[in-house]
């Protein structure tokens, strides 16, 4: 069935599944994170723009798991992009998280005229060993090529919207070719695929939920996945994906559901008024 971790090109181990904590309703994430950690999750994905880094830090501290055994990812907000402002934003994230280092630091969105400077700041943080891995989020092939043409260090991760209705074959192939780990946000398409007949049929075969089938499809396709849920039953259910394996044919069938369909972009202004997508 394989391991529950992937290895980034710099040797850092990253869990295949983590807990996403972006929430439109701005719920407190603390108890959900503590519950997830207690039930085996070892990866938490937050961002400056989510305004809940402090909650993540509190949950990790109150858990009985050592800091070094939990993989923490956060992201620099659009409004903080630029070299010096990114370094300041990073220090602010560390302060809120009450941590000495971050496992993965990402550029949240590509910003024309800013992302290259921002990347230079991430390289500095990586060289200073304040972060164990650096990467990007929502970058397309043209953004990655522009970045890598001028970077000393190529991204280790690219986190993008990815689900059976948006399979991004060219981007996925590009990332695999260049050793960049792709990671899925909104892998369950916010529940919109729960009644899909093809997925329900596969789920029935394995006595699993549609969500579990989609998450299994993610990791078998070499894509790290970070489903968001604050519901205890679903948090546990989403993690139980290492005891079955989809066939090659089933993988192909799910890939064939692609419609290049994007979800409406998240409204980060609800978290911090000056964020722009």
C-alpha atoms as a PDB file:
ATOM      1  CA  UNK A   1       0.000   0.000   0.000  1.00  0.00           C
ATOM      2  CA  UNK A   2       3.011   2.311   0.225  1.00  0.00           C
ATOM      3  CA  UNK A   3       4.240   4.689   2.882  1.00  0.00           C
ATOM      4  CA  UNK A   4       2.290   7.607   4.354  1.00  0.00           C
ATOM      5  CA  UNK A   5       5.092  10.054   3.501  1.00  0.00           C
ATOM      6  CA  UNK A   6       6.643  11.369   0.326  1.00  0.00           C
ATOM      7  CA  UNK A   7      10.230  12.600   0.176  1.00  0.00           C
ATOM      8  CA  UNK A   8      10.843  16.054  -1.304  1.00  0.00           C
ATOM      9  CA  UNK A   9      13.833  16.437  -3.617  1.00  0.00           C
ATOM     10  CA  UNK A  10      15.924  17.887  -0.769  1.00  0.00           C
ATOM     11  CA  UNK A  11      15.331  14.781   1.380  1.00  0.00           C
ATOM     12  CA  UNK A  12      12.663  16.255   3.678  1.00  0.00           C
ATOM     13  CA  UNK A  13       9.798  13.866   4.442  1.00  0.00           C
ATOM     14  CA  UNK A  14       6.291  15.262   3.961  1.00  0.00           C
ATOM     15  CA  UNK A  15       3.092  13.384   4.886  1.00  0.00           C
ATOM     16  CA  UNK A  16       0.869  12.430   1.945  1.00  0.00           C
ATOM     17  CA  UNK A  17      -2.155  13.741   3.826  1.00  0.00           C
ATOM     18  CA  UNK A  18      -2.549  16.769   6.063  1.00  0.00           C
ATOM     19  CA  UNK A  19      -5.279  18.902   7.560  1.00  0.00           C
ATOM     20  CA  UNK A  20      -6.204  22.071   5.693  1.00  0.00           C
ATOM     21  CA  UNK A  21      -7.443  24.813   8.031  1.00  0.00           C
ATOM     22  CA  UNK A  22      -8.793  27.510   5.705  1.00  0.00           C
ATOM     23  CA  UNK A  23     -12.374  28.192   6.706  1.00  0.00           C
ATOM     24  CA  UNK A  24     -14.689  30.697   5.083  1.00  0.00           C
ATOM     25  CA  UNK A  25     -16.796  30.927   8.230  1.00  0.00           C
ATOM     26  CA  UNK A  26     -13.674  31.798  10.225  1.00  0.00           C
ATOM     27  CA  UNK A  27     -14.262  29.088  12.778  1.00  0.00           C
ATOM     28  CA  UNK A  28     -11.680  28.544  15.502  1.00  0.00           C
ATOM     29  CA  UNK A  29      -9.452  25.738  14.262  1.00  0.00           C
ATOM     30  CA  UNK A  30      -7.753  24.888  17.570  1.00  0.00           C
ATOM     31  CA  UNK A  31      -9.898  21.962  18.730  1.00  0.00           C
ATOM     32  CA  UNK A  32     -10.165  20.434  15.255  1.00  0.00           C
ATOM     33  CA  UNK A  33      -6.364  20.504  14.884  1.00  0.00           C
ATOM     34  CA  UNK A  34      -5.859  18.969  18.323  1.00  0.00           C
ATOM     35  CA  UNK A  35      -8.365  16.240  17.431  1.00  0.00           C
ATOM     36  CA  UNK A  36      -6.628  15.586  14.097  1.00  0.00           C
ATOM     37  CA  UNK A  37      -3.202  15.318  15.730  1.00  0.00           C
ATOM     38  CA  UNK A  38      -4.575  12.999  18.424  1.00  0.00           C
ATOM     39  CA  UNK A  39      -5.960  10.800  15.640  1.00  0.00           C
ATOM     40  CA  UNK A  40      -2.768  10.489  13.650  1.00  0.00           C
ATOM     41  CA  UNK A  41      -2.448  13.583  11.470  1.00  0.00           C
ATOM     42  CA  UNK A  42       1.116  14.843  11.304  1.00  0.00           C
ATOM     43  CA  UNK A  43       0.724  17.682   8.793  1.00  0.00           C
ATOM     44  CA  UNK A  44      -1.146  20.982   9.172  1.00  0.00           C
ATOM     45  CA  UNK A  45      -1.502  23.513   6.346  1.00  0.00           C
ATOM     46  CA  UNK A  46      -2.221  27.151   7.216  1.00  0.00           C
ATOM     47  CA  UNK A  47      -1.399  30.591   5.794  1.00  0.00           C
ATOM     48  CA  UNK A  48      -0.901  34.137   6.977  1.00  0.00           C
ATOM     49  CA  UNK A  49      -4.076  35.096   5.092  1.00  0.00           C
ATOM     50  CA  UNK A  50      -6.157  32.573   7.049  1.00  0.00           C
ATOM     51  CA  UNK A  51      -5.521  34.519  10.273  1.00  0.00           C
ATOM     52  CA  UNK A  52      -5.330  31.315  12.320  1.00  0.00           C
ATOM     53  CA  UNK A  53      -1.589  30.631  12.646  1.00  0.00           C
ATOM     54  CA  UNK A  54      -1.886  31.360  16.372  1.00  0.00           C
ATOM     55  CA  UNK A  55      -4.559  28.657  16.661  1.00  0.00           C
ATOM     56  CA  UNK A  56      -2.305  26.181  14.845  1.00  0.00           C
ATOM     57  CA  UNK A  57       0.573  26.950  17.198  1.00  0.00           C
ATOM     58  CA  UNK A  58      -1.649  26.571  20.254  1.00  0.00           C
ATOM     59  CA  UNK A  59      -3.040  23.245  19.056  1.00  0.00           C
ATOM     60  CA  UNK A  60       0.421  21.826  18.356  1.00  0.00           C
ATOM     61  CA  UNK A  61       1.708  22.990  21.732  1.00  0.00           C
ATOM     62  CA  UNK A  62      -1.272  21.477  23.556  1.00  0.00           C
ATOM     63  CA  UNK A  63      -0.952  18.164  21.724  1.00  0.00           C
ATOM     64  CA  UNK A  64       1.247  15.443  23.160  1.00  0.00           C
ATOM     65  CA  UNK A  65       3.301  15.174  19.971  1.00  0.00           C
ATOM     66  CA  UNK A  66       6.801  16.610  19.667  1.00  0.00           C
ATOM     67  CA  UNK A  67       7.114  19.639  17.405  1.00  0.00           C
ATOM     68  CA  UNK A  68       9.626  17.863  15.179  1.00  0.00           C
ATOM     69  CA  UNK A  69       7.100  15.117  14.498  1.00  0.00           C
ATOM     70  CA  UNK A  70       4.534  17.518  13.006  1.00  0.00           C
ATOM     71  CA  UNK A  71       4.902  19.045   9.537  1.00  0.00           C
ATOM     72  CA  UNK A  72       3.769  22.691   9.567  1.00  0.00           C
ATOM     73  CA  UNK A  73       3.200  24.636   6.357  1.00  0.00           C
ATOM     74  CA  UNK A  74       2.266  28.301   6.087  1.00  0.00           C
ATOM     75  CA  UNK A  75       2.269  30.899   3.310  1.00  0.00           C
ATOM     76  CA  UNK A  76       3.306  34.492   2.720  1.00  0.00           C
ATOM     77  CA  UNK A  77       0.282  36.660   1.915  1.00  0.00           C
ATOM     78  CA  UNK A  78      -0.025  38.620  -1.321  1.00  0.00           C
ATOM     79  CA  UNK A  79       0.231  41.942   0.491  1.00  0.00           C
ATOM     80  CA  UNK A  80       3.489  40.883   2.162  1.00  0.00           C
ATOM     81  CA  UNK A  81       5.272  39.905  -1.041  1.00  0.00           C
ATOM     82  CA  UNK A  82       8.650  41.456  -1.801  1.00  0.00           C
ATOM     83  CA  UNK A  83      12.070  40.656  -0.300  1.00  0.00           C
ATOM     84  CA  UNK A  84      12.169  42.584   2.984  1.00  0.00           C
ATOM     85  CA  UNK A  85       8.410  42.403   3.579  1.00  0.00           C
ATOM     86  CA  UNK A  86       8.487  38.608   3.160  1.00  0.00           C
ATOM     87  CA  UNK A  87      11.261  38.269   5.733  1.00  0.00           C
ATOM     88  CA  UNK A  88       9.190  40.369   8.156  1.00  0.00           C
ATOM     89  CA  UNK A  89       6.053  38.371   7.394  1.00  0.00           C
ATOM     90  CA  UNK A  90       7.921  35.151   8.077  1.00  0.00           C
ATOM     91  CA  UNK A  91       9.046  36.386  11.483  1.00  0.00           C
ATOM     92  CA  UNK A  92       5.450  37.379  12.244  1.00  0.00           C
ATOM     93  CA  UNK A  93       4.244  33.887  11.293  1.00  0.00           C
ATOM     94  CA  UNK A  94       6.887  32.317  13.550  1.00  0.00           C
ATOM     95  CA  UNK A  95       5.792  34.586  16.383  1.00  0.00           C
ATOM     96  CA  UNK A  96       2.108  33.672  15.948  1.00  0.00           C
ATOM     97  CA  UNK A  97       2.890  29.966  15.636  1.00  0.00           C
ATOM     98  CA  UNK A  98       5.317  30.227  18.600  1.00  0.00           C
ATOM     99  CA  UNK A  99       7.769  28.023  16.723  1.00  0.00           C
ATOM    100  CA  UNK A 100      11.483  28.216  15.962  1.00  0.00           C
ATOM    101  CA  UNK A 101      11.152  27.040  12.369  1.00  0.00           C
ATOM    102  CA  UNK A 102       8.572  26.145   9.720  1.00  0.00           C
ATOM    103  CA  UNK A 103       8.645  22.911   7.738  1.00  0.00           C
ATOM    104  CA  UNK A 104       7.286  24.366   4.493  1.00  0.00           C
ATOM    105  CA  UNK A 105       6.936  28.027   3.518  1.00  0.00           C
ATOM    106  CA  UNK A 106       5.019  28.863   0.347  1.00  0.00           C
ATOM    107  CA  UNK A 107       4.327  31.903  -1.815  1.00  0.00           C
ATOM    108  CA  UNK A 108       0.521  31.949  -1.617  1.00  0.00           C
ATOM    109  CA  UNK A 109      -0.225  33.336  -5.103  1.00  0.00           C
ATOM    110  CA  UNK A 110       1.962  34.462  -8.011  1.00  0.00           C
ATOM    111  CA  UNK A 111       2.128  38.263  -8.097  1.00  0.00           C
ATOM    112  CA  UNK A 112       3.597  39.887 -11.184  1.00  0.00           C
ATOM    113  CA  UNK A 113       6.655  41.970 -10.348  1.00  0.00           C
ATOM    114  CA  UNK A 114       6.817  40.646  -6.785  1.00  0.00           C
ATOM    115  CA  UNK A 115       7.130  36.853  -6.746  1.00  0.00           C
ATOM    116  CA  UNK A 116      10.785  36.738  -7.824  1.00  0.00           C
ATOM    117  CA  UNK A 117      11.789  39.036  -4.950  1.00  0.00           C
ATOM    118  CA  UNK A 118       9.624  36.994  -2.621  1.00  0.00           C
ATOM    119  CA  UNK A 119      11.302  33.796  -3.790  1.00  0.00           C
ATOM    120  CA  UNK A 120      14.740  35.280  -3.073  1.00  0.00           C
ATOM    121  CA  UNK A 121      13.529  35.862   0.503  1.00  0.00           C
ATOM    122  CA  UNK A 122      12.392  32.231   0.738  1.00  0.00           C
ATOM    123  CA  UNK A 123      15.797  31.101  -0.513  1.00  0.00           C
ATOM    124  CA  UNK A 124      17.433  33.216   2.213  1.00  0.00           C
ATOM    125  CA  UNK A 125      15.216  31.659   4.885  1.00  0.00           C
ATOM    126  CA  UNK A 126      16.008  28.193   3.554  1.00  0.00           C
ATOM    127  CA  UNK A 127      19.770  28.831   3.515  1.00  0.00           C
ATOM    128  CA  UNK A 128      19.509  30.139   7.092  1.00  0.00           C
ATOM    129  CA  UNK A 129      17.698  26.874   8.025  1.00  0.00           C
ATOM    130  CA  UNK A 130      14.631  28.708   9.298  1.00  0.00           C
ATOM    131  CA  UNK A 131      12.536  26.597   6.941  1.00  0.00           C
ATOM    132  CA  UNK A 132      13.073  22.975   5.972  1.00  0.00           C
ATOM    133  CA  UNK A 133      11.471  23.326   2.535  1.00  0.00           C
ATOM    134  CA  UNK A 134      10.203  26.125   0.303  1.00  0.00           C
ATOM    135  CA  UNK A 135       7.627  26.177  -2.437  1.00  0.00           C
ATOM    136  CA  UNK A 136       4.796  27.953  -4.192  1.00  0.00           C
ATOM    137  CA  UNK A 137       1.029  27.832  -4.381  1.00  0.00           C
ATOM    138  CA  UNK A 138      -1.277  28.434  -7.335  1.00  0.00           C
ATOM    139  CA  UNK A 139       1.629  28.620  -9.802  1.00  0.00           C
ATOM    140  CA  UNK A 140       1.058  27.558 -13.401  1.00  0.00           C
ATOM    141  CA  UNK A 141       3.796  26.312 -15.754  1.00  0.00           C
ATOM    142  CA  UNK A 142       4.627  29.832 -17.000  1.00  0.00           C
ATOM    143  CA  UNK A 143       4.998  31.084 -13.403  1.00  0.00           C
ATOM    144  CA  UNK A 144       7.245  28.140 -12.520  1.00  0.00           C
ATOM    145  CA  UNK A 145       9.421  28.634 -15.601  1.00  0.00           C
ATOM    146  CA  UNK A 146       9.850  32.343 -14.938  1.00  0.00           C
ATOM    147  CA  UNK A 147      10.793  31.608 -11.333  1.00  0.00           C
ATOM    148  CA  UNK A 148      13.214  28.787 -12.099  1.00  0.00           C
ATOM    149  CA  UNK A 149      14.986  30.832 -14.766  1.00  0.00           C
ATOM    150  CA  UNK A 150      16.192  33.146 -12.009  1.00  0.00           C
ATOM    151  CA  UNK A 151      16.146  30.981  -8.879  1.00  0.00           C
ATOM    152  CA  UNK A 152      19.112  29.439  -7.104  1.00  0.00           C
ATOM    153  CA  UNK A 153      16.807  26.820  -5.572  1.00  0.00           C
ATOM    154  CA  UNK A 154      13.818  25.382  -7.412  1.00  0.00           C
ATOM    155  CA  UNK A 155      10.497  25.019  -5.555  1.00  0.00           C
ATOM    156  CA  UNK A 156      10.059  21.791  -3.641  1.00  0.00           C
ATOM    157  CA  UNK A 157       6.241  21.972  -3.641  1.00  0.00           C
ATOM    158  CA  UNK A 158       3.509  23.531  -5.785  1.00  0.00           C
ATOM    159  CA  UNK A 159       0.130  23.611  -4.038  1.00  0.00           C
ATOM    160  CA  UNK A 160      -2.810  24.055  -6.412  1.00  0.00           C
ATOM    161  CA  UNK A 161      -6.519  23.416  -6.711  1.00  0.00           C
ATOM    162  CA  UNK A 162      -6.755  19.780  -7.794  1.00  0.00           C
ATOM    163  CA  UNK A 163      -9.663  17.316  -7.805  1.00  0.00           C
ATOM    164  CA  UNK A 164     -11.321  14.881 -10.269  1.00  0.00           C
ATOM    165  CA  UNK A 165     -12.936  17.781 -12.165  1.00  0.00           C
ATOM    166  CA  UNK A 166      -9.586  19.631 -12.396  1.00  0.00           C
ATOM    167  CA  UNK A 167      -6.739  17.177 -12.960  1.00  0.00           C
ATOM    168  CA  UNK A 168      -4.202  19.570 -14.557  1.00  0.00           C
ATOM    169  CA  UNK A 169      -2.356  16.887 -16.593  1.00  0.00           C
ATOM    170  CA  UNK A 170       0.234  19.250 -18.111  1.00  0.00           C
ATOM    171  CA  UNK A 171       1.068  20.904 -14.793  1.00  0.00           C
ATOM    172  CA  UNK A 172       1.219  17.573 -12.987  1.00  0.00           C
ATOM    173  CA  UNK A 173       3.556  16.157 -15.640  1.00  0.00           C
ATOM    174  CA  UNK A 174       5.717  19.299 -15.520  1.00  0.00           C
ATOM    175  CA  UNK A 175       6.056  19.135 -11.740  1.00  0.00           C
ATOM    176  CA  UNK A 176       6.924  15.432 -11.827  1.00  0.00           C
ATOM    177  CA  UNK A 177       9.529  16.037 -14.558  1.00  0.00           C
ATOM    178  CA  UNK A 178      11.197  18.770 -12.481  1.00  0.00           C
ATOM    179  CA  UNK A 179      10.988  16.992  -9.138  1.00  0.00           C
ATOM    180  CA  UNK A 180       8.438  19.434  -7.699  1.00  0.00           C
ATOM    181  CA  UNK A 181       5.923  17.789  -5.384  1.00  0.00           C
ATOM    182  CA  UNK A 182       2.386  18.718  -6.370  1.00  0.00           C
ATOM    183  CA  UNK A 183      -0.117  19.235  -3.553  1.00  0.00           C
ATOM    184  CA  UNK A 184      -3.907  19.519  -3.767  1.00  0.00           C
ATOM    185  CA  UNK A 185      -6.032  22.147  -2.074  1.00  0.00           C
ATOM    186  CA  UNK A 186      -9.807  21.586  -2.072  1.00  0.00           C
ATOM    187  CA  UNK A 187      -9.202  17.963  -3.173  1.00  0.00           C
ATOM    188  CA  UNK A 188     -12.828  17.082  -2.377  1.00  0.00           C
ATOM    189  CA  UNK A 189     -14.196  20.022  -4.373  1.00  0.00           C
ATOM    190  CA  UNK A 190     -16.007  21.207  -1.244  1.00  0.00           C
ATOM    191  CA  UNK A 191     -18.260  18.151  -1.287  1.00  0.00           C
ATOM    192  CA  UNK A 192     -19.549  18.737  -4.818  1.00  0.00           C
ATOM    193  CA  UNK A 193     -18.534  15.240  -5.983  1.00  0.00           C
ATOM    194  CA  UNK A 194     -20.128  13.262  -3.144  1.00  0.00           C
ATOM    195  CA  UNK A 195     -23.052  12.126  -5.308  1.00  0.00           C
ATOM    196  CA  UNK A 196     -21.045  11.439  -8.476  1.00  0.00           C
ATOM    197  CA  UNK A 197     -22.205   8.034  -9.733  1.00  0.00           C
ATOM    198  CA  UNK A 198     -18.796   6.873 -11.006  1.00  0.00           C
ATOM    199  CA  UNK A 199     -17.131   7.717  -7.702  1.00  0.00           C
ATOM    200  CA  UNK A 200     -19.987   6.217  -5.681  1.00  0.00           C
ATOM    201  CA  UNK A 201     -19.629   2.940  -7.583  1.00  0.00           C
ATOM    202  CA  UNK A 202     -15.899   2.724  -6.837  1.00  0.00           C
ATOM    203  CA  UNK A 203     -16.515   3.678  -3.192  1.00  0.00           C
ATOM    204  CA  UNK A 204     -19.114   0.912  -2.850  1.00  0.00           C
ATOM    205  CA  UNK A 205     -16.640  -1.679  -4.139  1.00  0.00           C
ATOM    206  CA  UNK A 206     -14.101  -0.829  -1.429  1.00  0.00           C
ATOM    207  CA  UNK A 207     -16.668  -0.052   1.307  1.00  0.00           C
ATOM    208  CA  UNK A 208     -15.237   3.459   1.456  1.00  0.00           C
ATOM    209  CA  UNK A 209     -16.681   6.954   1.095  1.00  0.00           C
ATOM    210  CA  UNK A 210     -16.395   8.999  -2.099  1.00  0.00           C
ATOM    211  CA  UNK A 211     -14.056  11.320  -0.189  1.00  0.00           C
ATOM    212  CA  UNK A 212     -11.750   8.429   0.694  1.00  0.00           C
ATOM    213  CA  UNK A 213     -11.670   7.291  -2.935  1.00  0.00           C
ATOM    214  CA  UNK A 214     -10.741  10.804  -4.125  1.00  0.00           C
ATOM    215  CA  UNK A 215      -8.004  11.175  -1.503  1.00  0.00           C
ATOM    216  CA  UNK A 216      -6.639   7.732  -2.380  1.00  0.00           C
ATOM    217  CA  UNK A 217      -6.632   8.779  -6.053  1.00  0.00           C
ATOM    218  CA  UNK A 218      -4.636  11.871  -5.035  1.00  0.00           C
ATOM    219  CA  UNK A 219      -1.827  10.023  -3.328  1.00  0.00           C
ATOM    220  CA  UNK A 220      -1.689   7.177  -5.869  1.00  0.00           C
ATOM    221  CA  UNK A 221      -1.253   9.902  -8.473  1.00  0.00           C
ATOM    222  CA  UNK A 222       1.700  11.274  -6.463  1.00  0.00           C
ATOM    223  CA  UNK A 223      -0.197  14.330  -5.247  1.00  0.00           C
ATOM    224  CA  UNK A 224      -0.073  15.332  -1.563  1.00  0.00           C
ATOM    225  CA  UNK A 225      -3.544  16.145  -0.259  1.00  0.00           C
ATOM    226  CA  UNK A 226      -4.825  18.476   2.483  1.00  0.00           C
ATOM    227  CA  UNK A 227      -8.596  18.064   2.876  1.00  0.00           C
ATOM    228  CA  UNK A 228     -10.187  20.641   5.162  1.00  0.00           C
ATOM    229  CA  UNK A 229     -12.642  19.426   7.759  1.00  0.00           C
ATOM    230  CA  UNK A 230     -13.460  20.493  11.289  1.00  0.00           C
ATOM    231  CA  UNK A 231     -15.922  17.604  11.653  1.00  0.00           C
ATOM    232  CA  UNK A 232     -14.458  14.853  13.868  1.00  0.00           C
ATOM    233  CA  UNK A 233     -16.035  11.963  11.961  1.00  0.00           C
ATOM    234  CA  UNK A 234     -14.770  13.267   8.611  1.00  0.00           C
ATOM    235  CA  UNK A 235     -11.306  14.106   9.972  1.00  0.00           C
ATOM    236  CA  UNK A 236     -10.884  10.445  10.929  1.00  0.00           C
ATOM    237  CA  UNK A 237     -12.545   9.134   7.749  1.00  0.00           C
ATOM    238  CA  UNK A 238     -10.311  11.266   5.500  1.00  0.00           C
ATOM    239  CA  UNK A 239      -7.172   9.741   7.017  1.00  0.00           C
ATOM    240  CA  UNK A 240      -8.215   6.108   6.471  1.00  0.00           C
ATOM    241  CA  UNK A 241      -6.889   5.816   2.928  1.00  0.00           C
ATOM    242  CA  UNK A 242      -3.835   3.603   3.363  1.00  0.00           C
ATOM    243  CA  UNK A 243      -5.633   0.257   3.627  1.00  0.00           C
ATOM    244  CA  UNK A 244      -6.861  -0.064   0.035  1.00  0.00           C
ATOM    245  CA  UNK A 245      -5.539   0.564  -3.458  1.00  0.00           C
ATOM    246  CA  UNK A 246      -7.290   1.666  -6.632  1.00  0.00           C
ATOM    247  CA  UNK A 247      -6.600  -0.281  -9.816  1.00  0.00           C
ATOM    248  CA  UNK A 248      -4.891   1.363 -12.796  1.00  0.00           C
ATOM    249  CA  UNK A 249      -8.239   1.271 -14.605  1.00  0.00           C
ATOM    250  CA  UNK A 250     -10.003   3.026 -11.711  1.00  0.00           C
ATOM    251  CA  UNK A 251      -7.265   5.662 -11.628  1.00  0.00           C
ATOM    252  CA  UNK A 252      -7.814   6.263 -15.365  1.00  0.00           C
ATOM    253  CA  UNK A 253     -11.591   6.447 -14.911  1.00  0.00           C
ATOM    254  CA  UNK A 254     -11.206   9.152 -12.240  1.00  0.00           C
ATOM    255  CA  UNK A 255      -8.689  11.104 -14.319  1.00  0.00           C
ATOM    256  CA  UNK A 256     -11.230  10.991 -17.151  1.00  0.00           C
ATOM    257  CA  UNK A 257     -13.702  12.984 -15.010  1.00  0.00           C
ATOM    258  CA  UNK A 258     -11.630  16.103 -15.687  1.00  0.00           C
ATOM    259  CA  UNK A 259     -13.622  19.127 -16.908  1.00  0.00           C
ATOM    260  CA  UNK A 260     -10.951  21.803 -16.242  1.00  0.00           C
ATOM    261  CA  UNK A 261     -13.488  23.091 -13.745  1.00  0.00           C
ATOM    262  CA  UNK A 262     -12.269  25.551 -11.111  1.00  0.00           C
ATOM    263  CA  UNK A 263     -14.018  26.369  -7.861  1.00  0.00           C
ATOM    264  CA  UNK A 264     -14.772  30.062  -7.268  1.00  0.00           C
ATOM    265  CA  UNK A 265     -11.562  31.536  -5.790  1.00  0.00           C
ATOM    266  CA  UNK A 266     -11.576  31.728  -1.983  1.00  0.00           C
ATOM    267  CA  UNK A 267     -12.538  35.135  -0.648  1.00  0.00           C
ATOM    268  CA  UNK A 268      -9.507  35.830   1.519  1.00  0.00           C
ATOM    269  CA  UNK A 269     -10.779  39.362   2.153  1.00  0.00           C
ATOM    270  CA  UNK A 270     -12.926  37.819   4.869  1.00  0.00           C
ATOM    271  CA  UNK A 271      -9.725  37.095   6.752  1.00  0.00           C
ATOM    272  CA  UNK A 272      -7.740  40.210   6.055  1.00  0.00           C
ATOM    273  CA  UNK A 273      -9.328  43.067   4.163  1.00  0.00           C
ATOM    274  CA  UNK A 274      -6.320  43.986   2.065  1.00  0.00           C
ATOM    275  CA  UNK A 275      -5.668  40.557   0.579  1.00  0.00           C
ATOM    276  CA  UNK A 276      -6.221  40.406  -3.169  1.00  0.00           C
ATOM    277  CA  UNK A 277      -6.396  37.244  -5.249  1.00  0.00           C
END
